PDB file of N, CA and C in Angstrom:
ATOM      1  N   MET A   1     -26.360   9.284  96.281  1.00  0.00           N
ATOM      2  CA  MET A   1     -25.761   9.902  97.206  1.00  0.00           C
ATOM      3  C   MET A   1     -27.353  10.049  98.481  1.00  0.00           C
ATOM      4  N   TYR A   2     -27.575   9.906  99.014  1.00  0.00           N
ATOM      5  CA  TYR A   2     -27.992  10.980 100.261  1.00  0.00           C
ATOM      6  C   TYR A   2     -27.441  12.517 100.942  1.00  0.00           C
ATOM      7  N   LEU A   3     -27.924  13.520 100.962  1.00  0.00           N
ATOM      8  CA  LEU A   3     -26.848  14.548 102.015  1.00  0.00           C
ATOM      9  C   LEU A   3     -27.661  15.244 102.882  1.00  0.00           C
ATOM     10  N   ALA A   4     -26.320  14.577 104.074  1.00  0.00           N
ATOM     11  CA  ALA A   4     -26.739  14.734 105.044  1.00  0.00           C
ATOM     12  C   ALA A   4     -27.251  14.559 105.830  1.00  0.00           C
ATOM     13  N   ILE A   5     -27.935  12.845 105.901  1.00  0.00           N
ATOM     14  CA  ILE A   5     -29.232  11.811 106.038  1.00  0.00           C
ATOM     15  C   ILE A   5     -28.644  11.186 107.629  1.00  0.00           C
ATOM     16  N   SER A   6     -28.782  11.722 108.884  1.00  0.00           N
ATOM     17  CA  SER A   6     -28.543  11.326 109.758  1.00  0.00           C
ATOM     18  C   SER A   6     -29.448   9.946 110.235  1.00  0.00           C
ATOM     19  N   ASN A   7     -29.495   9.060 109.586  1.00  0.00           N
ATOM     20  CA  ASN A   7     -30.456   7.849 109.990  1.00  0.00           C
ATOM     21  C   ASN A   7     -29.731   6.998 110.651  1.00  0.00           C
ATOM     22  N   PRO A   8     -29.473   5.866 111.963  1.00  0.00           N
ATOM     23  CA  PRO A   8     -29.524   5.059 112.021  1.00  0.00           C
ATOM     24  C   PRO A   8     -29.718   4.433 111.657  1.00  0.00           C
ATOM     25  N   ASN A   9     -30.645   3.983 111.194  1.00  0.00           N
ATOM     26  CA  ASN A   9     -30.885   2.740 109.997  1.00  0.00           C
ATOM     27  C   ASN A   9     -30.604   2.912 108.806  1.00  0.00           C
ATOM     28  N   ALA A  10     -29.306   1.844 107.941  1.00  0.00           N
ATOM     29  CA  ALA A  10     -28.857   2.857 106.794  1.00  0.00           C
ATOM     30  C   ALA A  10     -29.659   2.006 105.565  1.00  0.00           C
ATOM     31  N   ALA A  11     -30.996   0.702 106.314  1.00  0.00           N
ATOM     32  CA  ALA A  11     -31.948   0.590 105.649  1.00  0.00           C
ATOM     33  C   ALA A  11     -32.729   0.684 104.843  1.00  0.00           C
ATOM     34  N   VAL A  12     -32.820   1.714 105.957  1.00  0.00           N
ATOM     35  CA  VAL A  12     -34.076   2.497 105.494  1.00  0.00           C
ATOM     36  C   VAL A  12     -34.060   3.238 104.574  1.00  0.00           C
ATOM     37  N   VAL A  13     -34.102   3.094 103.821  1.00  0.00           N
ATOM     38  CA  VAL A  13     -34.125   4.601 102.532  1.00  0.00           C
ATOM     39  C   VAL A  13     -35.069   5.758 102.580  1.00  0.00           C
ATOM     40  N   PRO A  14     -35.301   6.611 103.414  1.00  0.00           N
ATOM     41  CA  PRO A  14     -36.097   8.145 103.393  1.00  0.00           C
ATOM     42  C   PRO A  14     -36.758   8.310 101.341  1.00  0.00           C
ATOM     43  N   PRO A  15     -37.533   8.522 102.051  1.00  0.00           N
ATOM     44  CA  PRO A  15     -38.591   9.348 100.766  1.00  0.00           C
ATOM     45  C   PRO A  15     -37.941  10.338 100.451  1.00  0.00           C
ATOM     46  N   THR A  16     -38.501  10.219  99.158  1.00  0.00           N
ATOM     47  CA  THR A  16     -37.894  11.194  98.085  1.00  0.00           C
ATOM     48  C   THR A  16     -38.775  12.624  98.005  1.00  0.00           C
ATOM     49  N   SER A  17     -39.222  12.481  99.023  1.00  0.00           N
ATOM     50  CA  SER A  17     -39.796  14.609  99.451  1.00  0.00           C
ATOM     51  C   SER A  17     -39.269  14.918 101.057  1.00  0.00           C
ATOM     52  N   VAL A  18     -39.185  13.565 101.796  1.00  0.00           N
ATOM     53  CA  VAL A  18     -38.405  14.110 102.358  1.00  0.00           C
ATOM     54  C   VAL A  18     -36.473  14.634 102.032  1.00  0.00           C
ATOM     55  N   LEU A  19     -36.168  14.316 100.816  1.00  0.00           N
ATOM     56  CA  LEU A  19     -34.547  14.630 100.962  1.00  0.00           C
ATOM     57  C   LEU A  19     -35.132  16.103 100.201  1.00  0.00           C
ATOM     58  N   LEU A  20     -36.213  15.562  99.337  1.00  0.00           N
ATOM     59  CA  LEU A  20     -36.909  17.283  98.835  1.00  0.00           C
ATOM     60  C   LEU A  20     -36.879  18.583  99.648  1.00  0.00           C
ATOM     61  N   THR A  21     -37.425  17.549 100.711  1.00  0.00           N
ATOM     62  CA  THR A  21     -37.689  19.092 101.865  1.00  0.00           C
ATOM     63  C   THR A  21     -36.566  19.457 102.509  1.00  0.00           C
ATOM     64  N   ILE A  22     -35.375  18.322 102.500  1.00  0.00           N
ATOM     65  CA  ILE A  22     -34.619  18.538 103.221  1.00  0.00           C
ATOM     66  C   ILE A  22     -33.556  19.681 102.896  1.00  0.00           C
ATOM     67  N   LEU A  23     -33.324  18.906 101.015  1.00  0.00           N
ATOM     68  CA  LEU A  23     -32.747  20.452  99.861  1.00  0.00           C
ATOM     69  C   LEU A  23     -33.403  22.276  99.625  1.00  0.00           C
ATOM     70  N   PHE A  24     -34.948  22.079 100.359  1.00  0.00           N
ATOM     71  CA  PHE A  24     -35.314  23.374  99.123  1.00  0.00           C
ATOM     72  C   PHE A  24     -35.110  23.743 100.789  1.00  0.00           C
ATOM     73  N   SER A  25     -35.455  23.666 101.471  1.00  0.00           N
ATOM     74  CA  SER A  25     -35.623  24.351 103.310  1.00  0.00           C
ATOM     75  C   SER A  25     -33.928  25.277 102.663  1.00  0.00           C
ATOM     76  N   ARG A  26     -33.228  24.042 103.420  1.00  0.00           N
ATOM     77  CA  ARG A  26     -31.643  24.849 103.072  1.00  0.00           C
ATOM     78  C   ARG A  26     -31.131  25.837 102.059  1.00  0.00           C
ATOM     79  N   ALA A  27     -32.216  25.502 100.982  1.00  0.00           N
ATOM     80  CA  ALA A  27     -31.889  26.368  99.858  1.00  0.00           C
ATOM     81  C   ALA A  27     -32.287  27.547 100.240  1.00  0.00           C
ATOM     82  N   LEU A  28     -34.023  28.046 101.024  1.00  0.00           N
ATOM     83  CA  LEU A  28     -34.664  28.703 100.372  1.00  0.00           C
ATOM     84  C   LEU A  28     -34.024  29.455 101.988  1.00  0.00           C
ATOM     85  N   MET A  29     -34.107  28.929 102.501  1.00  0.00           N
ATOM     86  CA  MET A  29     -32.888  29.277 104.695  1.00  0.00           C
ATOM     87  C   MET A  29     -31.448  30.579 104.054  1.00  0.00           C
ATOM     88  N   GLY A  30     -30.201  30.223 102.991  1.00  0.00           N
ATOM     89  CA  GLY A  30     -29.557  30.706 102.475  1.00  0.00           C
ATOM     90  C   GLY A  30     -30.170  31.443 101.245  1.00  0.00           C
ATOM     91  N   PHE A  31     -31.527  31.712 100.606  1.00  0.00           N
ATOM     92  CA  PHE A  31     -32.236  32.864  99.579  1.00  0.00           C
ATOM     93  C   PHE A  31     -32.053  33.344 100.867  1.00  0.00           C
ATOM     94  N   ALA A  32     -33.104  33.245 101.754  1.00  0.00           N
ATOM     95  CA  ALA A  32     -33.546  34.603 102.334  1.00  0.00           C
ATOM     96  C   ALA A  32     -32.265  35.347 103.532  1.00  0.00           C
ATOM     97  N   ILE A  33     -31.094  34.042 104.213  1.00  0.00           N
ATOM     98  CA  ILE A  33     -29.582  35.141 104.447  1.00  0.00           C
ATOM     99  C   ILE A  33     -29.160  36.401 103.216  1.00  0.00           C
ATOM    100  N   GLY A  34     -29.379  35.768 101.837  1.00  0.00           N
ATOM    101  CA  GLY A  34     -28.596  36.375 100.830  1.00  0.00           C
ATOM    102  C   GLY A  34     -29.739  38.115 101.118  1.00  0.00           C
ATOM    103  N   ILE A  35     -31.212  38.410 100.658  1.00  0.00           N
ATOM    104  CA  ILE A  35     -31.525  39.431 100.846  1.00  0.00           C
ATOM    105  C   ILE A  35     -32.139  39.390 102.304  1.00  0.00           C
ATOM    106  N   SER A  36     -32.215  39.245 103.336  1.00  0.00           N
ATOM    107  CA  SER A  36     -32.521  40.360 104.108  1.00  0.00           C
ATOM    108  C   SER A  36     -32.027  41.065 104.558  1.00  0.00           C
ATOM    109  N   ALA A  37     -32.443  42.153 105.321  1.00  0.00           N
ATOM    110  CA  ALA A  37     -32.351  43.407 105.113  1.00  0.00           C
ATOM    111  C   ALA A  37     -32.496  43.971 106.649  1.00  0.00           C
ATOM    112  N   LEU A  38     -32.569  42.571 107.655  1.00  0.00           N
ATOM    113  CA  LEU A  38     -32.176  42.603 108.604  1.00  0.00           C
ATOM    114  C   LEU A  38     -30.720  43.229 109.211  1.00  0.00           C
ATOM    115  N   ARG A  39     -31.208  44.096 109.798  1.00  0.00           N
ATOM    116  CA  ARG A  39     -29.464  44.589 110.635  1.00  0.00           C
ATOM    117  C   ARG A  39     -29.340  44.548 112.214  1.00  0.00           C
ATOM    118  N   MET A  40     -28.172  43.374 111.556  1.00  0.00           N
ATOM    119  CA  MET A  40     -27.883  42.610 113.348  1.00  0.00           C
ATOM    120  C   MET A  40     -26.947  42.469 113.043  1.00  0.00           C
ATOM    121  N   ALA A  41     -25.659  41.893 113.576  1.00  0.00           N
ATOM    122  CA  ALA A  41     -24.686  41.439 113.949  1.00  0.00           C
ATOM    123  C   ALA A  41     -24.408  39.555 113.033  1.00  0.00           C
ATOM    124  N   TRP A  42     -23.742  39.522 112.027  1.00  0.00           N
ATOM    125  CA  TRP A  42     -23.727  38.830 110.917  1.00  0.00           C
ATOM    126  C   TRP A  42     -23.880  37.431 111.216  1.00  0.00           C
ATOM    127  N   TRP A  43     -23.071  36.879 112.655  1.00  0.00           N
ATOM    128  CA  TRP A  43     -23.196  35.676 113.673  1.00  0.00           C
ATOM    129  C   TRP A  43     -24.823  35.453 114.147  1.00  0.00           C
ATOM    130  N   LEU A  44     -24.947  36.466 114.401  1.00  0.00           N
ATOM    131  CA  LEU A  44     -27.358  36.625 115.076  1.00  0.00           C
ATOM    132  C   LEU A  44     -27.626  36.369 113.623  1.00  0.00           C
ATOM    133  N   HIS A  45     -27.772  36.950 112.936  1.00  0.00           N
ATOM    134  CA  HIS A  45     -28.507  36.976 111.864  1.00  0.00           C
ATOM    135  C   HIS A  45     -28.850  35.828 110.923  1.00  0.00           C
ATOM    136  N   GLY A  46     -27.247  34.809 110.939  1.00  0.00           N
ATOM    137  CA  GLY A  46     -27.374  33.752 110.666  1.00  0.00           C
ATOM    138  C   GLY A  46     -27.655  32.444 111.545  1.00  0.00           C
ATOM    139  N   ILE A  47     -27.497  32.636 112.617  1.00  0.00           N
ATOM    140  CA  ILE A  47     -28.687  32.243 114.079  1.00  0.00           C
ATOM    141  C   ILE A  47     -30.075  31.366 113.525  1.00  0.00           C
ATOM    142  N   PHE A  48     -30.693  33.544 113.800  1.00  0.00           N
ATOM    143  CA  PHE A  48     -32.164  33.213 113.761  1.00  0.00           C
ATOM    144  C   PHE A  48     -32.027  33.618 112.512  1.00  0.00           C
ATOM    145  N   LEU A  49     -32.236  33.257 110.810  1.00  0.00           N
ATOM    146  CA  LEU A  49     -32.788  33.020 110.841  1.00  0.00           C
ATOM    147  C   LEU A  49     -32.237  31.508 109.613  1.00  0.00           C
ATOM    148  N   GLY A  50     -30.891  30.841 110.559  1.00  0.00           N
ATOM    149  CA  GLY A  50     -31.420  29.523 110.564  1.00  0.00           C
ATOM    150  C   GLY A  50     -32.500  28.382 111.387  1.00  0.00           C
ATOM    151  N   ALA A  51     -32.554  29.218 112.498  1.00  0.00           N
ATOM    152  CA  ALA A  51     -33.327  28.641 113.270  1.00  0.00           C
ATOM    153  C   ALA A  51     -35.333  28.609 112.702  1.00  0.00           C
ATOM    154  N   VAL A  52     -35.114  30.094 111.947  1.00  0.00           N
ATOM    155  CA  VAL A  52     -36.432  30.527 112.042  1.00  0.00           C
ATOM    156  C   VAL A  52     -36.989  29.836 110.711  1.00  0.00           C
ATOM    157  N   SER A  53     -36.164  29.119 109.507  1.00  0.00           N
ATOM    158  CA  SER A  53     -36.339  28.786 108.666  1.00  0.00           C
ATOM    159  C   SER A  53     -36.485  26.772 108.528  1.00  0.00           C
ATOM    160  N   SER A  54     -35.815  26.135 109.702  1.00  0.00           N
ATOM    161  CA  SER A  54     -36.163  25.351 110.333  1.00  0.00           C
ATOM    162  C   SER A  54     -37.540  25.156 111.160  1.00  0.00           C
ATOM    163  N   LEU A  55     -37.804  25.654 111.344  1.00  0.00           N
ATOM    164  CA  LEU A  55     -39.784  25.517 111.850  1.00  0.00           C
ATOM    165  C   LEU A  55     -40.073  24.672 111.513  1.00  0.00           C
ATOM    166  N   PRO A  56     -40.681  24.957 109.773  1.00  0.00           N
ATOM    167  CA  PRO A  56     -41.412  23.863 109.335  1.00  0.00           C
ATOM    168  C   PRO A  56     -41.123  22.659 108.884  1.00  0.00           C
ATOM    169  N   MET A  57     -39.413  22.331 109.461  1.00  0.00           N
ATOM    170  CA  MET A  57     -39.476  21.304 109.176  1.00  0.00           C
ATOM    171  C   MET A  57     -39.751  20.489 110.682  1.00  0.00           C
ATOM    172  N   PHE A  58     -39.431  21.804 111.919  1.00  0.00           N
ATOM    173  CA  PHE A  58     -39.035  20.957 113.269  1.00  0.00           C
ATOM    174  C   PHE A  58     -40.647  20.915 113.043  1.00  0.00           C
ATOM    175  N   PHE A  59     -42.499  21.146 112.492  1.00  0.00           N
ATOM    176  CA  PHE A  59     -43.250  20.891 113.327  1.00  0.00           C
ATOM    177  C   PHE A  59     -43.895  19.890 112.845  1.00  0.00           C
ATOM    178  N   SER A  60     -43.240  19.273 111.387  1.00  0.00           N
ATOM    179  CA  SER A  60     -43.377  18.569 110.850  1.00  0.00           C
ATOM    180  C   SER A  60     -43.302  16.979 111.060  1.00  0.00           C
ATOM    181  N   VAL A  61     -42.087  17.186 112.397  1.00  0.00           N
ATOM    182  CA  VAL A  61     -41.795  16.197 112.274  1.00  0.00           C
ATOM    183  C   VAL A  61     -42.113  16.007 114.446  1.00  0.00           C
ATOM    184  N   MET A  62     -43.200  16.768 114.028  1.00  0.00           N
ATOM    185  CA  MET A  62     -42.889  17.031 116.399  1.00  0.00           C
ATOM    186  C   MET A  62     -43.172  16.063 116.830  1.00  0.00           C
ATOM    187  N   ASP A  63     -44.083  14.553 115.775  1.00  0.00           N
ATOM    188  CA  ASP A  63     -44.527  13.131 117.062  1.00  0.00           C
ATOM    189  C   ASP A  63     -43.400  13.346 117.433  1.00  0.00           C
ATOM    190  N   ARG A  64     -41.437  12.719 116.286  1.00  0.00           N
ATOM    191  CA  ARG A  64     -40.450  12.730 117.309  1.00  0.00           C
ATOM    192  C   ARG A  64     -39.725  13.100 117.350  1.00  0.00           C
ATOM    193  N   ILE A  65     -39.811  14.099 118.904  1.00  0.00           N
ATOM    194  CA  ILE A  65     -38.881  15.341 119.611  1.00  0.00           C
ATOM    195  C   ILE A  65     -38.476  15.287 118.808  1.00  0.00           C
ATOM    196  N   ASP A  66     -36.879  14.683 119.181  1.00  0.00           N
ATOM    197  CA  ASP A  66     -34.875  14.375 119.268  1.00  0.00           C
ATOM    198  C   ASP A  66     -35.507  14.556 117.779  1.00  0.00           C
ATOM    199  N   ILE A  67     -35.816  13.431 116.799  1.00  0.00           N
ATOM    200  CA  ILE A  67     -35.962  14.369 115.087  1.00  0.00           C
ATOM    201  C   ILE A  67     -35.798  16.194 115.305  1.00  0.00           C
ATOM    202  N   ALA A  68     -37.553  16.292 115.707  1.00  0.00           N
ATOM    203  CA  ALA A  68     -37.152  18.120 115.490  1.00  0.00           C
ATOM    204  C   ALA A  68     -36.728  19.474 116.245  1.00  0.00           C
ATOM    205  N   ILE A  69     -36.015  18.782 117.765  1.00  0.00           N
ATOM    206  CA  ILE A  69     -35.054  19.606 117.566  1.00  0.00           C
ATOM    207  C   ILE A  69     -33.770  19.473 117.094  1.00  0.00           C
ATOM    208  N   GLY A  70     -33.561  18.707 116.696  1.00  0.00           N
ATOM    209  CA  GLY A  70     -32.462  17.766 115.545  1.00  0.00           C
ATOM    210  C   GLY A  70     -32.384  18.462 114.831  1.00  0.00           C
ATOM    211  N   SER A  71     -33.417  19.227 113.859  1.00  0.00           N
ATOM    212  CA  SER A  71     -34.009  19.737 112.017  1.00  0.00           C
ATOM    213  C   SER A  71     -33.328  21.072 112.865  1.00  0.00           C
ATOM    214  N   VAL A  72     -33.703  21.415 114.321  1.00  0.00           N
ATOM    215  CA  VAL A  72     -33.106  22.904 114.020  1.00  0.00           C
ATOM    216  C   VAL A  72     -32.354  23.791 114.838  1.00  0.00           C
ATOM    217  N   VAL A  73     -31.411  22.601 116.116  1.00  0.00           N
ATOM    218  CA  VAL A  73     -30.334  22.583 115.937  1.00  0.00           C
ATOM    219  C   VAL A  73     -29.131  22.919 114.986  1.00  0.00           C
ATOM    220  N   MET A  74     -29.566  22.200 113.628  1.00  0.00           N
ATOM    221  CA  MET A  74     -28.414  22.007 112.424  1.00  0.00           C
ATOM    222  C   MET A  74     -29.304  22.946 111.372  1.00  0.00           C
ATOM    223  N   GLY A  75     -30.696  23.454 112.086  1.00  0.00           N
ATOM    224  CA  GLY A  75     -30.958  24.739 110.997  1.00  0.00           C
ATOM    225  C   GLY A  75     -29.732  26.350 111.548  1.00  0.00           C
ATOM    226  N   ILE A  76     -29.783  26.173 112.981  1.00  0.00           N
ATOM    227  CA  ILE A  76     -29.511  26.875 113.650  1.00  0.00           C
ATOM    228  C   ILE A  76     -27.120  27.049 113.087  1.00  0.00           C
ATOM    229  N   ILE A  77     -26.966  25.822 112.829  1.00  0.00           N
ATOM    230  CA  ILE A  77     -25.408  25.478 112.708  1.00  0.00           C
ATOM    231  C   ILE A  77     -25.267  25.999 110.449  1.00  0.00           C
ATOM    232  N   TYR A  78     -26.756  25.441 110.011  1.00  0.00           N
ATOM    233  CA  TYR A  78     -26.177  25.800 108.631  1.00  0.00           C
ATOM    234  C   TYR A  78     -26.055  27.202 109.025  1.00  0.00           C
ATOM    235  N   GLY A  79     -28.094  28.394 109.654  1.00  0.00           N
ATOM    236  CA  GLY A  79     -27.370  28.950 109.030  1.00  0.00           C
ATOM    237  C   GLY A  79     -25.894  30.116 109.134  1.00  0.00           C
ATOM    238  N   PHE A  80     -25.467  29.696 110.905  1.00  0.00           N
ATOM    239  CA  PHE A  80     -24.338  30.796 111.017  1.00  0.00           C
ATOM    240  C   PHE A  80     -23.476  30.184 110.503  1.00  0.00           C
ATOM    241  N   LEU A  81     -22.893  28.756 109.610  1.00  0.00           N
ATOM    242  CA  LEU A  81     -22.007  29.285 108.704  1.00  0.00           C
ATOM    243  C   LEU A  81     -22.303  29.061 107.186  1.00  0.00           C
ATOM    244  N   THR A  82     -23.875  29.913 106.397  1.00  0.00           N
ATOM    245  CA  THR A  82     -23.624  30.534 105.696  1.00  0.00           C
ATOM    246  C   THR A  82     -23.244  31.759 106.161  1.00  0.00           C
ATOM    247  N   GLU A  83     -23.711  32.444 107.271  1.00  0.00           N
ATOM    248  CA  GLU A  83     -22.771  33.594 107.753  1.00  0.00           C
ATOM    249  C   GLU A  83     -21.823  33.447 106.829  1.00  0.00           C
ATOM    250  N   LEU A  84     -20.907  33.019 107.757  1.00  0.00           N
ATOM    251  CA  LEU A  84     -19.206  32.609 108.551  1.00  0.00           C
ATOM    252  C   LEU A  84     -19.227  32.638 106.760  1.00  0.00           C
ATOM    253  N   ILE A  85     -19.478  32.515 105.856  1.00  0.00           N
ATOM    254  CA  ILE A  85     -18.725  32.043 104.744  1.00  0.00           C
ATOM    255  C   ILE A  85     -18.624  32.691 104.099  1.00  0.00           C
ATOM    256  N   THR A  86     -20.248  33.359 103.308  1.00  0.00           N
ATOM    257  CA  THR A  86     -20.658  34.730 103.189  1.00  0.00           C
ATOM    258  C   THR A  86     -19.597  36.484 104.182  1.00  0.00           C
ATOM    259  N   SER A  87     -20.140  36.352 104.880  1.00  0.00           N
ATOM    260  CA  SER A  87     -19.539  37.667 105.427  1.00  0.00           C
ATOM    261  C   SER A  87     -18.370  38.002 105.642  1.00  0.00           C
ATOM    262  N   ILE A  88     -17.503  36.806 106.090  1.00  0.00           N
ATOM    263  CA  ILE A  88     -16.126  36.961 106.421  1.00  0.00           C
ATOM    264  C   ILE A  88     -15.315  36.014 105.522  1.00  0.00           C
ATOM    265  N   LEU A  89     -15.983  35.044 104.993  1.00  0.00           N
ATOM    266  CA  LEU A  89     -14.998  34.576 104.935  1.00  0.00           C
ATOM    267  C   LEU A  89     -14.602  35.003 102.766  1.00  0.00           C
ATOM    268  N   LEU A  90     -16.166  35.503 102.019  1.00  0.00           N
ATOM    269  CA  LEU A  90     -16.213  36.093 100.893  1.00  0.00           C
ATOM    270  C   LEU A  90     -16.410  37.584 101.117  1.00  0.00           C
ATOM    271  N   LYS A  91     -16.407  37.977 102.588  1.00  0.00           N
ATOM    272  CA  LYS A  91     -16.704  39.295 102.187  1.00  0.00           C
ATOM    273  C   LYS A  91     -17.476  40.356 101.606  1.00  0.00           C
ATOM    274  N   ALA A  92     -18.837  39.393 100.414  1.00  0.00           N
ATOM    275  CA  ALA A  92     -19.844  39.925 100.631  1.00  0.00           C
ATOM    276  C   ALA A  92     -20.222  41.120 101.910  1.00  0.00           C
ATOM    277  N   LYS A  93     -20.421  41.979 101.093  1.00  0.00           N
ATOM    278  CA  LYS A  93     -21.015  42.896 101.703  1.00  0.00           C
ATOM    279  C   LYS A  93     -22.442  43.629 101.592  1.00  0.00           C
ATOM    280  N   SER A  94     -23.393  43.299 102.843  1.00  0.00           N
ATOM    281  CA  SER A  94     -25.031  43.446 102.235  1.00  0.00           C
ATOM    282  C   SER A  94     -25.221  45.115 101.999  1.00  0.00           C
ATOM    283  N   PRO A  95     -26.016  44.929 100.689  1.00  0.00           N
ATOM    284  CA  PRO A  95     -26.252  46.575 100.539  1.00  0.00           C
ATOM    285  C   PRO A  95     -27.691  47.560 100.885  1.00  0.00           C
ATOM    286  N   PHE A  96     -27.592  46.308 101.991  1.00  0.00           N
ATOM    287  CA  PHE A  96     -28.544  47.307 102.824  1.00  0.00           C
ATOM    288  C   PHE A  96     -28.033  47.849 104.434  1.00  0.00           C
ATOM    289  N   VAL A  97     -26.490  47.824 104.686  1.00  0.00           N
ATOM    290  CA  VAL A  97     -25.876  48.028 105.870  1.00  0.00           C
ATOM    291  C   VAL A  97     -25.561  49.412 105.955  1.00  0.00           C
TER     292      VAL A  97
END
């Protein structure tokens, strides 16, 4: 099973290194959002850290600019959703606020 791999050619299997990079970068983003002491609105916090945590994947695929931009956009969406779920739905409070 591939986790959220948008590949227009399903016959081409992405390398394991690509799959692990995606998995670990999104896990790192969730961890960074959880421990961040930045004081800003929850939605802006998620968007900012989602974009920042997507930059390593952006630079690794700069030769394919469509994939690079998509990586940052998806990071922003994942960051926003992570903050939405933790801050609003689960009502987790940051110890720094």
